[in-house]
Amino acid sequence: YSLAYINQKLCTLGNVRVHGYDNSHSHHHRYYMGKEEPVEFNNYEEIAERFEKEWREIHEKIKKHDS
């Protein structure tokens, strides 16, 4: 799987991935503002829900900043 939020205006590091999760390179990991960290994987649905929740938090911060 690969879930990614890409926005070149917010992050130019880590293939401009602002936020994401994937299991490439035979391990589960999370990207956030160009940094990578391992994550525990129980099931895809849990990762997808976590990704969406965190994306919404990022989106809210952007909206507040642009106001």
PDB file of N, CA and C in Angstrom:
ATOM      1  N   TYR A   1       0.834  -1.171   0.000  1.00  0.00           N
ATOM      2  CA  TYR A   1       0.000   0.000   0.000  1.00  0.00           C
ATOM      3  C   TYR A   1       0.880   1.236   0.000  1.00  0.00           C
ATOM      4  N   SER A   2       0.299   2.340  -0.427  1.00  0.00           N
ATOM      5  CA  SER A   2       1.005   3.617  -0.389  1.00  0.00           C
ATOM      6  C   SER A   2      -0.038   4.713  -0.304  1.00  0.00           C
ATOM      7  N   LEU A   3      -0.013   5.452   0.776  1.00  0.00           N
ATOM      8  CA  LEU A   3      -0.909   6.590   0.973  1.00  0.00           C
ATOM      9  C   LEU A   3      -0.029   7.824   1.078  1.00  0.00           C
ATOM     10  N   ALA A   4      -0.320   8.849   0.303  1.00  0.00           N
ATOM     11  CA  ALA A   4       0.558  10.020   0.320  1.00  0.00           C
ATOM     12  C   ALA A   4      -0.212  11.304   0.086  1.00  0.00           C
ATOM     13  N   TYR A   5       0.205  12.332   0.803  1.00  0.00           N
ATOM     14  CA  TYR A   5      -0.254  13.697   0.557  1.00  0.00           C
ATOM     15  C   TYR A   5       0.973  14.456   0.102  1.00  0.00           C
ATOM     16  N   ILE A   6       0.936  14.954  -1.117  1.00  0.00           N
ATOM     17  CA  ILE A   6       2.073  15.655  -1.709  1.00  0.00           C
ATOM     18  C   ILE A   6       1.662  17.083  -1.990  1.00  0.00           C
ATOM     19  N   ASN A   7       2.486  18.022  -1.532  1.00  0.00           N
ATOM     20  CA  ASN A   7       2.228  19.438  -1.765  1.00  0.00           C
ATOM     21  C   ASN A   7       3.582  20.136  -1.792  1.00  0.00           C
ATOM     22  N   GLN A   8       4.042  20.486  -2.982  1.00  0.00           N
ATOM     23  CA  GLN A   8       5.365  21.085  -3.132  1.00  0.00           C
ATOM     24  C   GLN A   8       5.500  22.424  -2.425  1.00  0.00           C
ATOM     25  N   LYS A   9       4.406  23.081  -2.145  1.00  0.00           N
ATOM     26  CA  LYS A   9       4.467  24.358  -1.432  1.00  0.00           C
ATOM     27  C   LYS A   9       4.764  24.158   0.051  1.00  0.00           C
ATOM     28  N   LEU A  10       4.393  22.995   0.601  1.00  0.00           N
ATOM     29  CA  LEU A  10       4.587  22.752   2.029  1.00  0.00           C
ATOM     30  C   LEU A  10       5.879  22.025   2.346  1.00  0.00           C
ATOM     31  N   CYS A  11       6.316  21.146   1.460  1.00  0.00           N
ATOM     32  CA  CYS A  11       7.486  20.328   1.765  1.00  0.00           C
ATOM     33  C   CYS A  11       8.219  19.959   0.492  1.00  0.00           C
ATOM     34  N   THR A  12       9.488  20.266   0.444  1.00  0.00           N
ATOM     35  CA  THR A  12      10.302  19.902  -0.711  1.00  0.00           C
ATOM     36  C   THR A  12      11.251  18.763  -0.391  1.00  0.00           C
ATOM     37  N   LEU A  13      11.116  18.168   0.790  1.00  0.00           N
ATOM     38  CA  LEU A  13      11.949  17.047   1.201  1.00  0.00           C
ATOM     39  C   LEU A  13      11.222  15.734   0.978  1.00  0.00           C
ATOM     40  N   GLY A  14      11.936  14.631   0.916  1.00  0.00           N
ATOM     41  CA  GLY A  14      11.307  13.307   0.862  1.00  0.00           C
ATOM     42  C   GLY A  14      10.365  13.145  -0.303  1.00  0.00           C
ATOM     43  N   ASN A  15      10.822  13.503  -1.502  1.00  0.00           N
ATOM     44  CA  ASN A  15       9.970  13.434  -2.695  1.00  0.00           C
ATOM     45  C   ASN A  15       8.719  14.286  -2.535  1.00  0.00           C
ATOM     46  N   VAL A  16       8.848  15.417  -1.875  1.00  0.00           N
ATOM     47  CA  VAL A  16       7.783  16.382  -1.595  1.00  0.00           C
ATOM     48  C   VAL A  16       6.574  15.764  -0.915  1.00  0.00           C
ATOM     49  N   ARG A  17       6.784  14.681  -0.230  1.00  0.00           N
ATOM     50  CA  ARG A  17       5.702  14.027   0.494  1.00  0.00           C
ATOM     51  C   ARG A  17       5.520  14.735   1.829  1.00  0.00           C
ATOM     52  N   VAL A  18       4.419  15.405   1.999  1.00  0.00           N
ATOM     53  CA  VAL A  18       4.121  16.069   3.262  1.00  0.00           C
ATOM     54  C   VAL A  18       3.788  15.025   4.316  1.00  0.00           C
ATOM     55  N   HIS A  19       3.015  14.039   3.906  1.00  0.00           N
ATOM     56  CA  HIS A  19       2.512  13.054   4.855  1.00  0.00           C
ATOM     57  C   HIS A  19       2.214  11.771   4.099  1.00  0.00           C
ATOM     58  N   GLY A  20       2.498  10.623   4.701  1.00  0.00           N
ATOM     59  CA  GLY A  20       2.175   9.382   4.027  1.00  0.00           C
ATOM     60  C   GLY A  20       2.543   8.142   4.818  1.00  0.00           C
ATOM     61  N   TYR A  21       2.034   7.024   4.343  1.00  0.00           N
ATOM     62  CA  TYR A  21       2.320   5.712   4.903  1.00  0.00           C
ATOM     63  C   TYR A  21       2.544   4.760   3.734  1.00  0.00           C
ATOM     64  N   ASP A  22       3.500   3.851   3.893  1.00  0.00           N
ATOM     65  CA  ASP A  22       3.624   2.774   2.913  1.00  0.00           C
ATOM     66  C   ASP A  22       4.414   1.616   3.494  1.00  0.00           C
ATOM     67  N   ASN A  23       4.467   0.557   2.708  1.00  0.00           N
ATOM     68  CA  ASN A  23       5.185  -0.637   3.148  1.00  0.00           C
ATOM     69  C   ASN A  23       6.226  -1.051   2.117  1.00  0.00           C
ATOM     70  N   SER A  24       6.805  -0.079   1.441  1.00  0.00           N
ATOM     71  CA  SER A  24       7.880  -0.397   0.515  1.00  0.00           C
ATOM     72  C   SER A  24       9.135  -0.767   1.301  1.00  0.00           C
ATOM     73  N   HIS A  25      10.077  -1.359   0.659  1.00  0.00           N
ATOM     74  CA  HIS A  25      11.332  -1.770   1.296  1.00  0.00           C
ATOM     75  C   HIS A  25      11.091  -2.780   2.410  1.00  0.00           C
ATOM     76  N   SER A  26       9.997  -3.531   2.319  1.00  0.00           N
ATOM     77  CA  SER A  26       9.686  -4.632   3.242  1.00  0.00           C
ATOM     78  C   SER A  26       9.457  -4.206   4.688  1.00  0.00           C
ATOM     79  N   HIS A  27       9.076  -2.959   4.905  1.00  0.00           N
ATOM     80  CA  HIS A  27       8.690  -2.551   6.255  1.00  0.00           C
ATOM     81  C   HIS A  27       7.650  -1.436   6.185  1.00  0.00           C
ATOM     82  N   HIS A  28       6.868  -1.318   7.238  1.00  0.00           N
ATOM     83  CA  HIS A  28       5.806  -0.317   7.325  1.00  0.00           C
ATOM     84  C   HIS A  28       6.395   0.959   7.917  1.00  0.00           C
ATOM     85  N   HIS A  29       6.097   2.089   7.276  1.00  0.00           N
ATOM     86  CA  HIS A  29       6.641   3.338   7.780  1.00  0.00           C
ATOM     87  C   HIS A  29       5.743   4.520   7.428  1.00  0.00           C
ATOM     88  N   ARG A  30       6.012   5.608   8.148  1.00  0.00           N
ATOM     89  CA  ARG A  30       5.248   6.845   8.018  1.00  0.00           C
ATOM     90  C   ARG A  30       6.210   7.947   7.601  1.00  0.00           C
ATOM     91  N   TYR A  31       5.731   8.812   6.712  1.00  0.00           N
ATOM     92  CA  TYR A  31       6.477  10.002   6.324  1.00  0.00           C
ATOM     93  C   TYR A  31       5.750  11.219   6.869  1.00  0.00           C
ATOM     94  N   TYR A  32       6.527  12.173   7.343  1.00  0.00           N
ATOM     95  CA  TYR A  32       5.924  13.443   7.765  1.00  0.00           C
ATOM     96  C   TYR A  32       6.967  14.535   7.561  1.00  0.00           C
ATOM     97  N   MET A  33       6.672  15.447   6.655  1.00  0.00           N
ATOM     98  CA  MET A  33       7.543  16.578   6.339  1.00  0.00           C
ATOM     99  C   MET A  33       8.978  16.127   6.055  1.00  0.00           C
ATOM    100  N   GLY A  34       9.104  15.106   5.221  1.00  0.00           N
ATOM    101  CA  GLY A  34      10.403  14.644   4.783  1.00  0.00           C
ATOM    102  C   GLY A  34      11.110  13.667   5.692  1.00  0.00           C
ATOM    103  N   LYS A  35      10.543  13.385   6.845  1.00  0.00           N
ATOM    104  CA  LYS A  35      11.159  12.428   7.766  1.00  0.00           C
ATOM    105  C   LYS A  35      10.401  11.109   7.707  1.00  0.00           C
ATOM    106  N   GLU A  36      11.133  10.034   7.922  1.00  0.00           N
ATOM    107  CA  GLU A  36      10.545   8.698   7.885  1.00  0.00           C
ATOM    108  C   GLU A  36      10.707   8.031   9.243  1.00  0.00           C
ATOM    109  N   GLU A  37       9.645   7.314   9.682  1.00  0.00           N
ATOM    110  CA  GLU A  37       9.709   6.576  10.941  1.00  0.00           C
ATOM    111  C   GLU A  37       8.938   5.273  10.805  1.00  0.00           C
ATOM    112  N   PRO A  38       9.373   4.217  11.483  1.00  0.00           N
ATOM    113  CA  PRO A  38       8.645   2.952  11.419  1.00  0.00           C
ATOM    114  C   PRO A  38       7.301   3.066  12.149  1.00  0.00           C
ATOM    115  N   VAL A  39       6.327   2.293  11.701  1.00  0.00           N
ATOM    116  CA  VAL A  39       5.020   2.245  12.367  1.00  0.00           C
ATOM    117  C   VAL A  39       4.612   0.792  12.552  1.00  0.00           C
ATOM    118  N   GLU A  40       3.809   0.556  13.566  1.00  0.00           N
ATOM    119  CA  GLU A  40       3.245  -0.770  13.787  1.00  0.00           C
ATOM    120  C   GLU A  40       2.082  -0.965  12.825  1.00  0.00           C
ATOM    121  N   PHE A  41       2.031  -2.102  12.186  1.00  0.00           N
ATOM    122  CA  PHE A  41       0.956  -2.399  11.245  1.00  0.00           C
ATOM    123  C   PHE A  41       0.099  -3.522  11.786  1.00  0.00           C
ATOM    124  N   ASN A  42      -1.182  -3.239  11.975  1.00  0.00           N
ATOM    125  CA  ASN A  42      -2.141  -4.268  12.358  1.00  0.00           C
ATOM    126  C   ASN A  42      -3.011  -4.650  11.169  1.00  0.00           C
ATOM    127  N   ASN A  43      -3.493  -3.606  10.447  1.00  0.00           N
ATOM    128  CA  ASN A  43      -4.277  -3.849   9.245  1.00  0.00           C
ATOM    129  C   ASN A  43      -4.348  -2.560   8.429  1.00  0.00           C
ATOM    130  N   TYR A  44      -4.711  -2.715   7.162  1.00  0.00           N
ATOM    131  CA  TYR A  44      -4.753  -1.560   6.265  1.00  0.00           C
ATOM    132  C   TYR A  44      -5.770  -0.518   6.719  1.00  0.00           C
ATOM    133  N   GLU A  45      -6.932  -0.970   7.178  1.00  0.00           N
ATOM    134  CA  GLU A  45      -7.985  -0.035   7.575  1.00  0.00           C
ATOM    135  C   GLU A  45      -7.496   0.904   8.669  1.00  0.00           C
ATOM    136  N   GLU A  46      -6.750   0.378   9.628  1.00  0.00           N
ATOM    137  CA  GLU A  46      -6.221   1.199  10.721  1.00  0.00           C
ATOM    138  C   GLU A  46      -5.250   2.259  10.187  1.00  0.00           C
ATOM    139  N   ILE A  47      -4.381   1.857   9.279  1.00  0.00           N
ATOM    140  CA  ILE A  47      -3.427   2.802   8.683  1.00  0.00           C
ATOM    141  C   ILE A  47      -4.178   3.861   7.883  1.00  0.00           C
ATOM    142  N   ALA A  48      -5.167   3.459   7.104  1.00  0.00           N
ATOM    143  CA  ALA A  48      -5.934   4.400   6.286  1.00  0.00           C
ATOM    144  C   ALA A  48      -6.671   5.408   7.167  1.00  0.00           C
ATOM    145  N   GLU A  49      -7.257   4.966   8.272  1.00  0.00           N
ATOM    146  CA  GLU A  49      -7.947   5.875   9.188  1.00  0.00           C
ATOM    147  C   GLU A  49      -6.957   6.855   9.828  1.00  0.00           C
ATOM    148  N   ARG A  50      -5.794   6.352  10.223  1.00  0.00           N
ATOM    149  CA  ARG A  50      -4.762   7.214  10.824  1.00  0.00           C
ATOM    150  C   ARG A  50      -4.290   8.256   9.813  1.00  0.00           C
ATOM    151  N   PHE A  51      -4.063   7.827   8.556  1.00  0.00           N
ATOM    152  CA  PHE A  51      -3.643   8.744   7.507  1.00  0.00           C
ATOM    153  C   PHE A  51      -4.685   9.856   7.314  1.00  0.00           C
ATOM    154  N   GLU A  52      -5.952   9.476   7.215  1.00  0.00           N
ATOM    155  CA  GLU A  52      -7.003  10.473   6.982  1.00  0.00           C
ATOM    156  C   GLU A  52      -7.116  11.444   8.156  1.00  0.00           C
ATOM    157  N   LYS A  53      -7.062  10.942   9.370  1.00  0.00           N
ATOM    158  CA  LYS A  53      -7.147  11.803  10.552  1.00  0.00           C
ATOM    159  C   LYS A  53      -6.001  12.808  10.560  1.00  0.00           C
ATOM    160  N   GLU A  54      -4.795  12.341  10.307  1.00  0.00           N
ATOM    161  CA  GLU A  54      -3.635  13.231  10.312  1.00  0.00           C
ATOM    162  C   GLU A  54      -3.676  14.207   9.143  1.00  0.00           C
ATOM    163  N   TRP A  55      -4.170  13.751   7.975  1.00  0.00           N
ATOM    164  CA  TRP A  55      -4.294  14.657   6.835  1.00  0.00           C
ATOM    165  C   TRP A  55      -5.277  15.780   7.152  1.00  0.00           C
ATOM    166  N   ARG A  56      -6.373  15.432   7.792  1.00  0.00           N
ATOM    167  CA  ARG A  56      -7.359  16.466   8.156  1.00  0.00           C
ATOM    168  C   ARG A  56      -6.747  17.490   9.114  1.00  0.00           C
ATOM    169  N   GLU A  57      -5.916  17.041  10.049  1.00  0.00           N
ATOM    170  CA  GLU A  57      -5.248  17.960  10.968  1.00  0.00           C
ATOM    171  C   GLU A  57      -4.313  18.903  10.205  1.00  0.00           C
ATOM    172  N   ILE A  58      -3.567  18.366   9.254  1.00  0.00           N
ATOM    173  CA  ILE A  58      -2.682  19.197   8.431  1.00  0.00           C
ATOM    174  C   ILE A  58      -3.505  20.202   7.645  1.00  0.00           C
ATOM    175  N   HIS A  59      -4.592  19.740   7.045  1.00  0.00           N
ATOM    176  CA  HIS A  59      -5.456  20.615   6.245  1.00  0.00           C
ATOM    177  C   HIS A  59      -6.033  21.754   7.091  1.00  0.00           C
ATOM    178  N   GLU A  60      -6.440  21.464   8.308  1.00  0.00           N
ATOM    179  CA  GLU A  60      -6.969  22.503   9.194  1.00  0.00           C
ATOM    180  C   GLU A  60      -5.894  23.546   9.532  1.00  0.00           C
ATOM    181  N   LYS A  61      -4.677  23.109   9.771  1.00  0.00           N
ATOM    182  CA  LYS A  61      -3.585  24.046  10.043  1.00  0.00           C
ATOM    183  C   LYS A  61      -3.337  24.957   8.850  1.00  0.00           C
ATOM    184  N   ILE A  62      -3.396  24.395   7.646  1.00  0.00           N
ATOM    185  CA  ILE A  62      -3.196  25.177   6.431  1.00  0.00           C
ATOM    186  C   ILE A  62      -4.303  26.210   6.286  1.00  0.00           C
ATOM    187  N   LYS A  63      -5.553  25.799   6.514  1.00  0.00           N
ATOM    188  CA  LYS A  63      -6.678  26.729   6.403  1.00  0.00           C
ATOM    189  C   LYS A  63      -6.535  27.876   7.389  1.00  0.00           C
ATOM    190  N   LYS A  64      -6.132  27.590   8.623  1.00  0.00           N
ATOM    191  CA  LYS A  64      -5.952  28.631   9.637  1.00  0.00           C
ATOM    192  C   LYS A  64      -4.824  29.574   9.238  1.00  0.00           C
ATOM    193  N   HIS A  65      -3.762  29.020   8.715  1.00  0.00           N
ATOM    194  CA  HIS A  65      -2.611  29.825   8.325  1.00  0.00           C
ATOM    195  C   HIS A  65      -2.956  30.749   7.147  1.00  0.00           C
ATOM    196  N   ASP A  66      -3.761  30.259   6.203  1.00  0.00           N
ATOM    197  CA  ASP A  66      -4.120  31.026   5.029  1.00  0.00           C
ATOM    198  C   ASP A  66      -5.208  32.058   5.308  1.00  0.00           C
ATOM    199  N   SER A  67      -5.850  31.987   6.457  1.00  0.00           N
ATOM    200  CA  SER A  67      -6.939  32.930   6.774  1.00  0.00           C
ATOM    201  C   SER A  67      -6.425  34.294   7.142  1.00  0.00           C
TER     202      SER A  67
END
